[in-house]
N, C-alpha and C. Protein backbone atom coordinates (compact mmCIF):
# COMPACT_ATOMS: atom_id res chain seq x y z
N MET A 1 0.82 -1.17 0.00
CA MET A 1 -0.05 -0.03 -0.05
C MET A 1 0.79 1.30 -0.09
N ASP A 2 2.25 1.06 0.14
CA ASP A 2 3.09 2.26 0.31
C ASP A 2 3.24 2.99 -1.10
N GLN A 3 2.67 2.34 -2.14
CA GLN A 3 2.96 2.72 -3.45
C GLN A 3 1.97 3.91 -4.10
N LEU A 4 1.13 4.31 -3.23
CA LEU A 4 0.20 5.47 -3.60
C LEU A 4 -0.43 5.07 -4.91
N THR A 5 -0.79 3.92 -5.17
CA THR A 5 -1.22 3.43 -6.55
C THR A 5 -2.46 4.16 -6.98
N TYR A 6 -3.48 4.25 -6.02
CA TYR A 6 -4.78 5.08 -6.44
C TYR A 6 -4.57 6.51 -6.60
N GLU A 7 -3.91 7.17 -5.70
CA GLU A 7 -3.41 8.55 -5.80
C GLU A 7 -2.77 8.91 -7.25
N ARG A 8 -1.82 7.89 -7.57
CA ARG A 8 -1.14 8.20 -8.70
C ARG A 8 -2.06 8.01 -9.94
N GLU A 9 -2.98 7.17 -9.79
CA GLU A 9 -3.79 6.83 -10.88
C GLU A 9 -4.83 8.16 -11.15
N TYR A 10 -5.26 8.81 -10.10
CA TYR A 10 -5.99 9.93 -10.36
C TYR A 10 -5.09 11.28 -10.67
N PHE A 11 -3.85 11.25 -10.14
CA PHE A 11 -3.00 12.25 -10.62
C PHE A 11 -2.80 12.30 -12.16
N ALA A 12 -2.62 11.10 -12.65
CA ALA A 12 -2.37 10.89 -14.06
C ALA A 12 -3.67 11.37 -14.93
N MET A 13 -4.87 11.42 -14.11
CA MET A 13 -5.96 11.81 -14.88
C MET A 13 -6.20 13.34 -14.87
N GLY A 14 -5.07 14.01 -14.11
CA GLY A 14 -5.24 15.45 -13.95
C GLY A 14 -5.66 15.98 -12.59
N TYR A 15 -5.96 15.04 -11.63
CA TYR A 15 -6.42 15.54 -10.20
C TYR A 15 -5.02 15.78 -9.61
N THR A 16 -4.93 16.88 -8.77
CA THR A 16 -3.61 17.36 -8.22
C THR A 16 -3.70 17.19 -6.66
N ALA A 17 -4.90 17.02 -6.15
CA ALA A 17 -5.03 17.09 -4.67
C ALA A 17 -5.95 15.96 -4.32
N VAL A 18 -5.59 14.67 -4.26
CA VAL A 18 -6.52 13.64 -3.93
C VAL A 18 -6.51 13.38 -2.45
N ALA A 19 -7.78 13.34 -1.82
CA ALA A 19 -7.80 13.33 -0.34
C ALA A 19 -8.24 11.83 -0.12
N GLY A 20 -7.72 11.13 0.90
CA GLY A 20 -8.35 9.99 1.48
C GLY A 20 -8.98 10.19 2.93
N VAL A 21 -10.09 9.60 3.10
CA VAL A 21 -11.04 9.90 4.18
C VAL A 21 -11.41 8.63 4.83
N ASP A 22 -11.34 8.73 6.12
CA ASP A 22 -11.87 7.43 6.85
C ASP A 22 -12.38 7.86 8.31
N GLU A 23 -13.11 7.02 8.94
CA GLU A 23 -13.60 7.16 10.32
C GLU A 23 -13.07 6.24 11.22
N VAL A 24 -13.33 6.55 12.49
CA VAL A 24 -13.10 5.55 13.55
C VAL A 24 -14.13 5.82 14.61
N GLY A 25 -14.70 4.83 15.27
CA GLY A 25 -15.70 4.94 16.29
C GLY A 25 -16.95 4.82 15.82
N ARG A 26 -17.41 4.10 15.04
CA ARG A 26 -18.91 3.96 14.61
C ARG A 26 -19.49 2.92 15.43
N GLY A 27 -18.74 2.00 16.05
CA GLY A 27 -19.37 0.95 16.99
C GLY A 27 -19.50 1.18 18.46
N PRO A 28 -18.73 2.03 19.01
CA PRO A 28 -18.73 2.22 20.42
C PRO A 28 -19.95 2.70 21.12
N LEU A 29 -20.14 2.45 22.40
CA LEU A 29 -21.40 2.88 23.13
C LEU A 29 -21.19 4.33 23.57
N ALA A 30 -19.84 4.83 23.52
CA ALA A 30 -19.59 6.18 23.96
C ALA A 30 -18.59 6.82 23.25
N GLY A 31 -18.56 8.21 23.36
CA GLY A 31 -17.62 9.07 22.77
C GLY A 31 -18.11 9.32 21.35
N PRO A 32 -17.43 10.15 20.54
CA PRO A 32 -17.71 10.68 19.26
C PRO A 32 -17.32 9.69 18.17
N VAL A 33 -17.77 9.84 17.02
CA VAL A 33 -17.27 9.30 15.90
C VAL A 33 -16.21 10.23 15.29
N VAL A 34 -15.00 9.92 14.90
CA VAL A 34 -13.88 10.80 14.37
C VAL A 34 -13.59 10.44 13.09
N CYS A 35 -13.69 11.59 12.18
CA CYS A 35 -13.23 11.44 10.77
C CYS A 35 -12.02 12.26 10.54
N ALA A 36 -11.29 11.60 9.59
CA ALA A 36 -10.01 12.40 9.15
C ALA A 36 -9.85 12.39 7.65
N ALA A 37 -9.33 13.47 7.00
CA ALA A 37 -9.00 13.56 5.56
C ALA A 37 -7.49 13.81 5.43
N VAL A 38 -6.82 13.16 4.61
CA VAL A 38 -5.38 13.41 4.33
C VAL A 38 -5.13 13.40 2.99
N ILE A 39 -4.38 14.50 2.54
CA ILE A 39 -3.83 14.57 1.33
C ILE A 39 -2.19 14.30 1.37
N LEU A 40 -1.88 13.12 0.85
CA LEU A 40 -0.34 12.73 0.81
C LEU A 40 0.50 13.46 -0.30
N PRO A 41 1.69 13.67 -0.13
CA PRO A 41 2.60 14.05 -1.09
C PRO A 41 2.81 12.80 -2.10
N LEU A 42 3.09 13.04 -3.33
CA LEU A 42 3.44 11.86 -4.22
C LEU A 42 4.83 11.74 -4.49
N GLU A 43 5.73 12.62 -4.12
CA GLU A 43 7.09 12.47 -4.20
C GLU A 43 7.69 11.19 -3.56
N GLU A 44 8.55 10.58 -4.29
CA GLU A 44 9.16 9.40 -3.67
C GLU A 44 9.80 9.52 -2.40
N GLU A 45 10.62 10.62 -2.29
CA GLU A 45 11.39 10.88 -1.11
C GLU A 45 10.54 11.24 0.05
N LYS A 46 9.33 11.41 -0.04
CA LYS A 46 8.52 11.74 0.94
C LYS A 46 7.45 10.79 1.24
N ARG A 47 7.60 9.62 0.76
CA ARG A 47 6.79 8.42 0.87
C ARG A 47 6.91 7.87 2.46
N ILE A 48 5.70 7.68 2.98
CA ILE A 48 5.82 7.15 4.29
C ILE A 48 5.44 5.77 4.34
N LEU A 49 6.56 4.86 4.93
CA LEU A 49 6.40 3.52 4.83
C LEU A 49 5.75 2.97 6.12
N GLY A 50 4.93 1.93 5.82
CA GLY A 50 4.23 1.20 6.93
C GLY A 50 2.77 1.47 7.02
N ILE A 51 2.28 2.59 6.25
CA ILE A 51 0.86 2.80 6.48
C ILE A 51 0.03 1.64 6.04
N ASP A 52 -1.04 1.40 6.90
CA ASP A 52 -1.89 0.26 6.75
C ASP A 52 -3.21 0.52 7.55
N ASP A 53 -4.15 -0.26 7.30
CA ASP A 53 -5.51 -0.08 8.11
C ASP A 53 -5.10 -0.06 9.68
N SER A 54 -5.47 1.06 10.20
CA SER A 54 -5.14 1.24 11.62
C SER A 54 -5.35 0.00 12.62
N LYS A 55 -6.41 -0.60 12.35
CA LYS A 55 -6.75 -1.78 13.02
C LYS A 55 -5.59 -3.02 13.16
N LYS A 56 -4.83 -2.90 12.02
CA LYS A 56 -3.74 -3.97 11.81
C LYS A 56 -2.48 -3.62 12.49
N LEU A 57 -2.39 -2.38 12.99
CA LEU A 57 -1.00 -1.79 13.58
C LEU A 57 -1.12 -1.81 15.12
N SER A 58 -0.09 -1.99 15.69
CA SER A 58 0.10 -1.81 17.18
C SER A 58 -0.17 -0.36 17.64
N ALA A 59 -0.42 -0.04 18.75
CA ALA A 59 -0.70 1.26 19.24
C ALA A 59 0.59 2.11 19.13
N LYS A 60 1.78 1.54 19.38
CA LYS A 60 3.01 2.12 19.24
C LYS A 60 3.26 2.56 17.83
N LYS A 61 3.10 1.60 16.99
CA LYS A 61 3.39 2.03 15.54
C LYS A 61 2.37 2.95 14.97
N ARG A 62 1.12 3.02 15.38
CA ARG A 62 0.09 4.02 15.08
C ARG A 62 0.44 5.37 15.55
N THR A 63 0.97 5.34 16.59
CA THR A 63 1.44 6.79 17.21
C THR A 63 2.44 7.36 16.44
N GLU A 64 3.40 6.29 16.13
CA GLU A 64 4.68 6.78 15.20
C GLU A 64 4.24 7.33 13.89
N LEU A 65 3.32 6.49 13.21
CA LEU A 65 2.94 6.95 11.92
C LEU A 65 2.12 8.18 11.83
N ALA A 66 1.13 8.33 13.06
CA ALA A 66 0.35 9.33 13.01
C ALA A 66 1.19 10.73 12.91
N LEU A 67 2.32 10.66 13.76
CA LEU A 67 3.20 11.94 13.95
C LEU A 67 3.86 12.15 12.59
N ARG A 68 4.27 11.10 11.90
CA ARG A 68 4.85 11.21 10.50
C ARG A 68 3.97 11.75 9.52
N ILE A 69 2.60 11.18 9.46
CA ILE A 69 1.73 11.68 8.53
C ILE A 69 1.31 13.23 8.83
N ARG A 70 1.24 13.48 9.99
CA ARG A 70 0.97 14.97 10.30
C ARG A 70 1.94 15.98 9.83
N GLU A 71 3.37 15.51 9.98
CA GLU A 71 4.49 16.13 9.50
C GLU A 71 4.63 16.32 8.03
N THR A 72 4.27 15.09 7.43
CA THR A 72 4.49 14.95 6.08
C THR A 72 3.36 15.28 4.98
N ALA A 73 2.23 15.26 5.43
CA ALA A 73 1.03 15.38 4.54
C ALA A 73 0.93 16.77 4.09
N ARG A 74 0.55 16.91 2.87
CA ARG A 74 0.33 18.15 2.12
C ARG A 74 -0.76 18.87 2.99
N ALA A 75 -1.84 18.04 3.34
CA ALA A 75 -2.90 18.67 4.42
C ALA A 75 -3.56 17.55 5.01
N PHE A 76 -4.02 17.80 6.31
CA PHE A 76 -4.85 16.84 6.99
C PHE A 76 -5.83 17.51 7.86
N SER A 77 -6.95 17.01 8.16
CA SER A 77 -7.87 17.57 9.15
C SER A 77 -8.64 16.47 9.86
N ILE A 78 -9.12 16.74 11.07
CA ILE A 78 -9.79 15.84 11.76
C ILE A 78 -11.19 16.41 12.33
N ALA A 79 -12.26 15.67 12.27
CA ALA A 79 -13.58 16.30 12.61
C ALA A 79 -14.14 15.30 13.51
N GLU A 80 -14.81 15.77 14.61
CA GLU A 80 -15.51 14.90 15.64
C GLU A 80 -16.97 15.03 15.45
N VAL A 81 -17.76 14.15 15.40
CA VAL A 81 -19.37 14.31 15.51
C VAL A 81 -19.77 13.63 17.05
N ASP A 82 -20.36 14.50 17.85
CA ASP A 82 -20.60 14.12 19.29
C ASP A 82 -21.65 13.03 19.32
N GLU A 83 -21.87 12.56 20.67
CA GLU A 83 -22.82 11.54 20.94
C GLU A 83 -24.27 12.04 20.74
N ARG A 84 -24.52 13.25 21.03
CA ARG A 84 -25.80 13.91 20.91
C ARG A 84 -26.18 13.92 19.61
N THR A 85 -25.42 14.41 18.55
CA THR A 85 -25.71 14.44 17.13
C THR A 85 -25.79 12.82 16.53
N ILE A 86 -24.99 11.85 17.05
CA ILE A 86 -25.18 10.56 16.67
C ILE A 86 -26.48 10.05 17.07
N ASP A 87 -27.03 10.26 18.18
CA ASP A 87 -28.43 9.88 18.53
C ASP A 87 -29.51 10.60 17.85
N GLU A 88 -29.30 11.79 17.32
CA GLU A 88 -30.36 12.50 16.71
C GLU A 88 -30.30 12.14 15.19
N ILE A 89 -29.21 11.92 14.59
CA ILE A 89 -29.31 11.65 13.06
C ILE A 89 -28.87 10.27 12.77
N ASN A 90 -28.43 9.35 13.56
CA ASN A 90 -27.95 8.05 13.60
C ASN A 90 -26.43 8.02 13.13
N ILE A 91 -25.87 6.96 13.40
CA ILE A 91 -24.42 6.65 13.39
C ILE A 91 -24.00 6.80 11.71
N LEU A 92 -24.79 6.43 10.69
CA LEU A 92 -24.34 6.45 9.46
C LEU A 92 -24.36 7.88 8.89
N GLN A 93 -25.45 8.57 9.35
CA GLN A 93 -25.37 10.04 8.93
C GLN A 93 -24.42 10.83 9.62
N ALA A 94 -24.18 10.58 10.67
CA ALA A 94 -23.04 11.19 11.68
C ALA A 94 -21.85 10.94 11.03
N THR A 95 -21.46 9.85 10.56
CA THR A 95 -20.19 9.52 9.85
C THR A 95 -20.18 10.34 8.65
N ARG A 96 -21.19 10.23 7.78
CA ARG A 96 -20.97 11.09 6.53
C ARG A 96 -20.83 12.58 6.78
N LEU A 97 -21.47 13.14 7.85
CA LEU A 97 -21.41 14.48 8.35
C LEU A 97 -19.91 14.76 8.70
N GLY A 98 -19.39 13.80 9.55
CA GLY A 98 -17.88 14.06 9.92
C GLY A 98 -16.94 14.00 8.74
N MET A 99 -17.15 13.19 7.79
CA MET A 99 -16.19 13.13 6.62
C MET A 99 -16.39 14.40 5.97
N LYS A 100 -17.62 14.88 5.61
CA LYS A 100 -17.87 15.98 5.05
C LYS A 100 -17.06 17.04 5.59
N ARG A 101 -17.29 17.27 6.85
CA ARG A 101 -16.44 18.31 7.78
C ARG A 101 -15.01 18.25 7.65
N ALA A 102 -14.52 17.10 7.65
CA ALA A 102 -13.07 16.78 7.51
C ALA A 102 -12.63 17.32 6.10
N ILE A 103 -13.35 16.80 5.15
CA ILE A 103 -12.79 17.25 3.87
C ILE A 103 -12.92 18.84 3.73
N GLU A 104 -13.96 19.38 4.04
CA GLU A 104 -14.10 20.90 4.11
C GLU A 104 -13.19 21.53 4.98
N SER A 105 -12.41 20.99 5.86
CA SER A 105 -11.59 21.82 6.81
C SER A 105 -10.08 21.59 6.25
N LEU A 106 -9.94 20.97 5.10
CA LEU A 106 -8.65 20.68 4.69
C LEU A 106 -8.07 22.11 4.21
N THR A 107 -6.94 22.43 4.54
CA THR A 107 -6.39 23.74 4.21
C THR A 107 -6.06 23.82 2.51
N LEU A 108 -5.83 22.68 2.13
CA LEU A 108 -5.64 22.43 0.65
C LEU A 108 -6.95 21.95 0.04
N PRO A 109 -7.69 22.54 -0.71
CA PRO A 109 -9.06 22.05 -1.03
C PRO A 109 -8.67 20.91 -2.06
N PRO A 110 -9.26 19.65 -1.63
CA PRO A 110 -8.99 18.46 -2.60
C PRO A 110 -9.93 18.64 -3.91
N ASP A 111 -9.30 17.95 -4.94
CA ASP A 111 -10.10 17.91 -6.29
C ASP A 111 -10.61 16.40 -6.57
N PHE A 112 -10.24 15.59 -5.60
CA PHE A 112 -10.97 14.23 -5.69
C PHE A 112 -10.69 13.64 -4.39
N VAL A 113 -11.78 12.78 -4.08
CA VAL A 113 -11.92 12.23 -2.64
C VAL A 113 -12.09 10.80 -2.85
N LEU A 114 -11.33 10.01 -2.02
CA LEU A 114 -11.35 8.59 -1.97
C LEU A 114 -12.00 8.21 -0.58
N THR A 115 -13.01 7.47 -0.38
CA THR A 115 -13.45 7.11 0.95
C THR A 115 -13.47 5.58 0.99
N ASP A 116 -13.37 5.19 2.41
CA ASP A 116 -13.39 3.68 2.76
C ASP A 116 -14.87 3.26 2.64
N GLY A 117 -15.04 1.95 2.23
CA GLY A 117 -16.30 1.24 2.43
C GLY A 117 -17.29 1.48 1.32
N ASN A 118 -18.51 1.78 1.55
CA ASN A 118 -19.42 2.17 0.52
C ASN A 118 -20.28 3.57 0.92
N MET A 119 -19.46 4.55 0.84
CA MET A 119 -19.98 5.89 1.41
C MET A 119 -20.10 6.91 0.36
N THR A 120 -21.24 7.46 0.24
CA THR A 120 -21.50 8.51 -0.71
C THR A 120 -21.54 9.75 0.08
N LEU A 121 -20.81 10.72 -0.13
CA LEU A 121 -20.89 12.07 0.61
C LEU A 121 -21.42 13.28 -0.20
N ASP A 122 -22.08 14.13 0.51
CA ASP A 122 -22.60 15.35 -0.03
C ASP A 122 -21.49 16.38 -0.07
N ILE A 123 -20.68 16.36 -1.14
CA ILE A 123 -19.60 17.06 -1.29
C ILE A 123 -19.53 17.56 -2.87
N GLY A 124 -18.79 18.66 -3.04
CA GLY A 124 -18.74 19.25 -4.60
C GLY A 124 -17.72 18.76 -5.40
N VAL A 125 -17.07 17.80 -5.08
CA VAL A 125 -15.95 17.36 -5.96
C VAL A 125 -16.08 15.88 -6.21
N PRO A 126 -15.53 15.26 -7.14
CA PRO A 126 -15.60 13.89 -7.62
C PRO A 126 -15.15 13.02 -6.38
N GLN A 127 -15.79 11.88 -6.22
CA GLN A 127 -15.39 10.86 -5.22
C GLN A 127 -15.54 9.55 -5.67
N ARG A 128 -14.84 8.62 -5.00
CA ARG A 128 -14.97 7.30 -5.15
C ARG A 128 -14.82 6.56 -3.89
N SER A 129 -15.73 5.52 -3.64
CA SER A 129 -15.73 4.71 -2.45
C SER A 129 -15.10 3.23 -2.83
N ILE A 130 -14.09 2.96 -1.89
CA ILE A 130 -13.39 1.62 -2.02
C ILE A 130 -13.60 0.66 -1.07
N VAL A 131 -14.08 -0.40 -1.23
CA VAL A 131 -14.31 -1.39 -0.11
C VAL A 131 -12.85 -1.83 0.37
N LYS A 132 -12.79 -1.85 1.80
CA LYS A 132 -11.37 -2.20 2.31
C LYS A 132 -10.36 -1.07 1.92
N GLY A 133 -10.94 0.09 1.81
CA GLY A 133 -9.86 1.17 1.18
C GLY A 133 -8.79 1.55 2.29
N ASP A 134 -9.04 1.37 3.56
CA ASP A 134 -8.15 1.67 4.60
C ASP A 134 -6.99 0.63 4.61
N ALA A 135 -7.17 -0.54 3.93
CA ALA A 135 -6.01 -1.49 3.75
C ALA A 135 -5.45 -1.40 2.25
N LEU A 136 -6.06 -0.72 1.27
CA LEU A 136 -5.84 -0.78 -0.07
C LEU A 136 -5.20 0.70 -0.49
N VAL A 137 -5.81 1.68 0.14
CA VAL A 137 -5.40 3.18 -0.39
C VAL A 137 -4.48 3.79 0.70
N CYS A 138 -3.48 4.25 0.25
CA CYS A 138 -2.49 4.98 1.29
C CYS A 138 -3.12 6.07 1.98
N SER A 139 -3.76 6.94 1.36
CA SER A 139 -4.23 8.25 1.82
C SER A 139 -5.48 7.84 2.79
N ILE A 140 -6.13 6.79 2.52
CA ILE A 140 -7.33 6.30 3.34
C ILE A 140 -6.76 5.74 4.74
N GLY A 141 -5.69 4.89 4.52
CA GLY A 141 -4.98 4.24 5.65
C GLY A 141 -4.54 5.36 6.52
N ALA A 142 -3.93 6.35 5.99
CA ALA A 142 -3.34 7.55 6.61
C ALA A 142 -4.30 8.10 7.45
N ALA A 143 -5.49 8.30 6.93
CA ALA A 143 -6.69 9.04 7.70
C ALA A 143 -7.11 8.16 8.68
N SER A 144 -7.09 6.83 8.49
CA SER A 144 -7.64 5.90 9.67
C SER A 144 -6.56 5.99 10.79
N ILE A 145 -5.47 5.96 10.46
CA ILE A 145 -4.38 6.09 11.51
C ILE A 145 -4.49 7.40 12.47
N ILE A 146 -4.57 8.52 11.71
CA ILE A 146 -4.71 9.73 12.62
C ILE A 146 -5.91 9.93 13.32
N ALA A 147 -7.07 9.35 12.61
CA ALA A 147 -8.21 9.29 13.45
C ALA A 147 -8.31 8.57 14.54
N LYS A 148 -7.63 7.32 14.55
CA LYS A 148 -7.62 6.25 15.53
C LYS A 148 -6.82 6.75 16.68
N VAL A 149 -5.75 7.40 16.34
CA VAL A 149 -4.75 7.88 17.53
C VAL A 149 -5.56 9.08 18.20
N TYR A 150 -6.02 10.06 17.47
CA TYR A 150 -6.73 11.14 17.90
C TYR A 150 -7.98 10.61 18.97
N ARG A 151 -8.69 9.71 18.52
CA ARG A 151 -9.83 9.20 19.35
C ARG A 151 -9.37 8.51 20.52
N ASP A 152 -8.34 7.55 20.35
CA ASP A 152 -7.91 6.93 21.45
C ASP A 152 -7.51 7.84 22.63
N GLU A 153 -6.70 8.89 22.16
CA GLU A 153 -6.07 9.93 23.10
C GLU A 153 -7.33 10.68 23.91
N LEU A 154 -8.25 10.87 23.04
CA LEU A 154 -9.48 11.67 23.59
C LEU A 154 -10.17 10.65 24.78
N MET A 155 -10.29 9.53 24.40
CA MET A 155 -11.02 8.40 25.33
C MET A 155 -10.11 8.29 26.60
N GLN A 156 -8.88 8.50 26.52
CA GLN A 156 -7.99 8.36 27.65
C GLN A 156 -8.28 9.49 28.54
N LYS A 157 -8.54 10.62 27.97
CA LYS A 157 -8.87 11.79 28.76
C LYS A 157 -10.36 11.70 29.64
N TYR A 158 -11.30 11.06 28.77
CA TYR A 158 -12.60 10.77 29.32
C TYR A 158 -12.53 9.73 30.35
N ALA A 159 -11.46 8.85 30.31
CA ALA A 159 -11.29 7.79 31.34
C ALA A 159 -10.86 8.37 32.74
N GLU A 160 -10.40 9.53 32.65
CA GLU A 160 -9.81 10.18 33.87
C GLU A 160 -11.06 10.93 34.58
N GLU A 161 -12.09 11.39 33.75
CA GLU A 161 -13.18 11.97 34.12
C GLU A 161 -14.17 10.99 34.66
N PHE A 162 -14.42 9.89 33.95
CA PHE A 162 -15.23 8.84 34.23
C PHE A 162 -14.48 7.53 34.40
N PRO A 163 -13.96 7.36 35.53
CA PRO A 163 -13.10 6.04 35.59
C PRO A 163 -13.89 4.82 35.52
N GLU A 164 -15.18 4.82 35.97
CA GLU A 164 -15.99 3.65 36.30
C GLU A 164 -16.05 2.70 34.93
N TYR A 165 -16.06 3.25 33.77
CA TYR A 165 -16.34 2.51 32.56
C TYR A 165 -15.13 1.95 31.84
N GLY A 166 -13.96 2.24 32.26
CA GLY A 166 -12.73 1.60 31.71
C GLY A 166 -12.42 2.15 30.25
N PHE A 167 -12.94 3.34 30.16
CA PHE A 167 -12.53 4.04 28.70
C PHE A 167 -11.14 3.86 28.25
N ASP A 168 -10.11 3.83 29.13
CA ASP A 168 -8.82 3.78 28.93
C ASP A 168 -8.44 2.50 28.22
N LYS A 169 -9.19 1.57 28.59
CA LYS A 169 -9.00 0.10 27.88
C LYS A 169 -9.91 -0.28 26.79
N ASN A 170 -11.23 0.19 26.92
CA ASN A 170 -12.24 -0.15 25.83
C ASN A 170 -12.44 0.95 24.85
N VAL A 171 -11.89 2.16 25.02
CA VAL A 171 -12.21 3.29 24.24
C VAL A 171 -13.56 3.46 23.86
N GLY A 172 -14.63 3.14 24.74
CA GLY A 172 -16.01 3.23 24.57
C GLY A 172 -16.75 1.99 24.03
N TYR A 173 -16.01 1.06 23.57
CA TYR A 173 -16.75 -0.11 23.01
C TYR A 173 -17.33 -0.99 24.23
N GLY A 174 -18.30 -1.76 23.72
CA GLY A 174 -19.24 -2.40 24.75
C GLY A 174 -18.71 -3.74 25.45
N THR A 175 -17.49 -3.64 25.99
CA THR A 175 -17.09 -4.69 26.78
C THR A 175 -17.97 -5.11 27.92
N LYS A 176 -17.67 -6.38 28.46
CA LYS A 176 -18.50 -6.83 29.53
C LYS A 176 -18.31 -5.75 30.68
N GLN A 177 -17.01 -5.33 31.00
CA GLN A 177 -17.06 -4.42 32.17
C GLN A 177 -17.57 -3.04 32.00
N HIS A 178 -17.49 -2.58 30.64
CA HIS A 178 -18.15 -1.27 30.30
C HIS A 178 -19.85 -1.53 30.65
N ILE A 179 -20.41 -2.52 30.08
CA ILE A 179 -21.80 -2.79 30.17
C ILE A 179 -22.22 -2.77 31.58
N SER A 180 -21.38 -3.74 32.49
CA SER A 180 -21.69 -3.80 33.92
C SER A 180 -21.69 -2.52 34.67
N ALA A 181 -20.71 -1.67 34.32
CA ALA A 181 -20.78 -0.46 34.80
C ALA A 181 -21.96 0.59 34.66
N ILE A 182 -22.34 0.48 33.36
CA ILE A 182 -23.63 1.07 33.03
C ILE A 182 -24.73 0.67 33.79
N LYS A 183 -24.87 -0.62 33.93
CA LYS A 183 -25.90 -1.24 34.72
C LYS A 183 -25.83 -0.81 36.34
N GLU A 184 -24.66 -0.75 36.72
CA GLU A 184 -24.39 -0.40 38.19
C GLU A 184 -24.56 1.08 38.49
N VAL A 185 -23.90 2.09 37.57
CA VAL A 185 -23.87 3.37 38.12
C VAL A 185 -24.68 4.33 37.07
N GLY A 186 -25.21 3.82 35.96
CA GLY A 186 -25.99 4.54 34.92
C GLY A 186 -24.86 5.15 33.85
N ILE A 187 -25.44 5.93 33.02
CA ILE A 187 -24.64 6.40 32.04
C ILE A 187 -23.95 7.89 32.18
N CYS A 188 -22.91 8.21 31.49
CA CYS A 188 -22.30 9.53 31.63
C CYS A 188 -22.62 10.46 30.49
N ARG A 189 -22.27 11.49 30.45
CA ARG A 189 -22.67 12.52 29.30
C ARG A 189 -22.19 12.12 27.95
N ILE A 190 -21.18 11.36 27.80
CA ILE A 190 -20.73 10.92 26.39
C ILE A 190 -21.22 9.72 25.92
N HIS A 191 -22.20 8.94 26.62
CA HIS A 191 -22.87 7.85 26.24
C HIS A 191 -23.80 8.11 25.07
N ARG A 192 -24.01 7.17 23.99
CA ARG A 192 -24.78 7.31 22.95
C ARG A 192 -26.12 6.48 23.43
N ARG A 193 -27.23 7.20 23.68
CA ARG A 193 -28.40 6.74 24.31
C ARG A 193 -29.03 5.67 23.44
N THR A 194 -28.98 5.87 22.12
CA THR A 194 -29.59 5.01 21.05
C THR A 194 -28.79 3.72 21.11
N PHE A 195 -27.66 3.54 21.39
CA PHE A 195 -26.80 2.40 21.42
C PHE A 195 -26.92 1.43 22.68
N ILE A 196 -27.53 1.92 23.72
CA ILE A 196 -27.64 1.32 25.00
C ILE A 196 -28.96 0.89 25.50
N LYS A 197 -30.04 1.02 24.50
CA LYS A 197 -31.42 0.92 25.17
C LYS A 197 -31.60 -0.40 25.63
N ASN A 198 -31.03 -1.57 25.08
CA ASN A 198 -31.29 -2.73 25.58
C ASN A 198 -30.80 -3.23 26.85
N PHE A 199 -29.93 -2.52 27.47
CA PHE A 199 -29.37 -2.79 28.77
C PHE A 199 -29.45 -1.55 29.77
N TRP A 200 -29.96 -0.51 29.43
CA TRP A 200 -29.73 0.61 30.24
C TRP A 200 -31.19 0.87 30.94
N ASP A 201 -31.18 1.24 32.21
CA ASP A 201 -32.56 1.22 32.91
C ASP A 201 -32.92 2.75 33.06
N GLY A 202 -32.28 3.73 32.51
CA GLY A 202 -32.51 5.08 32.49
C GLY A 202 -31.86 5.98 33.46
N ARG A 203 -30.99 5.32 34.39
CA ARG A 203 -30.20 6.12 35.25
C ARG A 203 -28.99 6.91 34.81
N GLU A 204 -28.78 8.11 35.22
CA GLU A 204 -27.63 8.90 34.92
C GLU A 204 -26.66 8.82 35.99
N ARG A 205 -25.32 8.76 35.57
CA ARG A 205 -24.39 8.84 36.64
C ARG A 205 -24.34 10.09 37.29
N THR A 206 -24.26 9.99 38.60
CA THR A 206 -24.30 11.33 39.49
C THR A 206 -22.83 11.65 39.89
């Protein structure tokens, strides 16, 4: 995936700023969905080795790559969509909104956008969605990495404020310990109410 195959393909067609976009956090019970957009340089001497789907990388490797991506990218941006919005418009629409915000926040406006999965966005530039794009397209993988590192660090901070739920380990996902804590003490302000209806009794954490 280090070869920037897709990005070079569109560059050959005349596109000069191809952005990759991805999200992290569609499945957790708590916290925002985080989307990132990245435009990578195509020069060989600036190529970043080791980019892959963030889920396939160790936490240490992700952190190292995230720093390198931020330093080397022609442009990058990160957008959060909070739990209240997720509950209001559903996670799919919240993800689309976050991707749109990330794209529109790029300091270098993209002229083509590559997205992971099967996602059509309300944007004014050409786009293509690629299944398993985070493992196949360098700029999408880069976006997945910086989004994952950003969200994990955010959930570490929430773990200090809400220690009962184990956010430092589960980053908001529905582990047995997390669900048990919800049943014991209720939910906190970053929980997604539409995700926990089956086991939440309506109590709020005091």
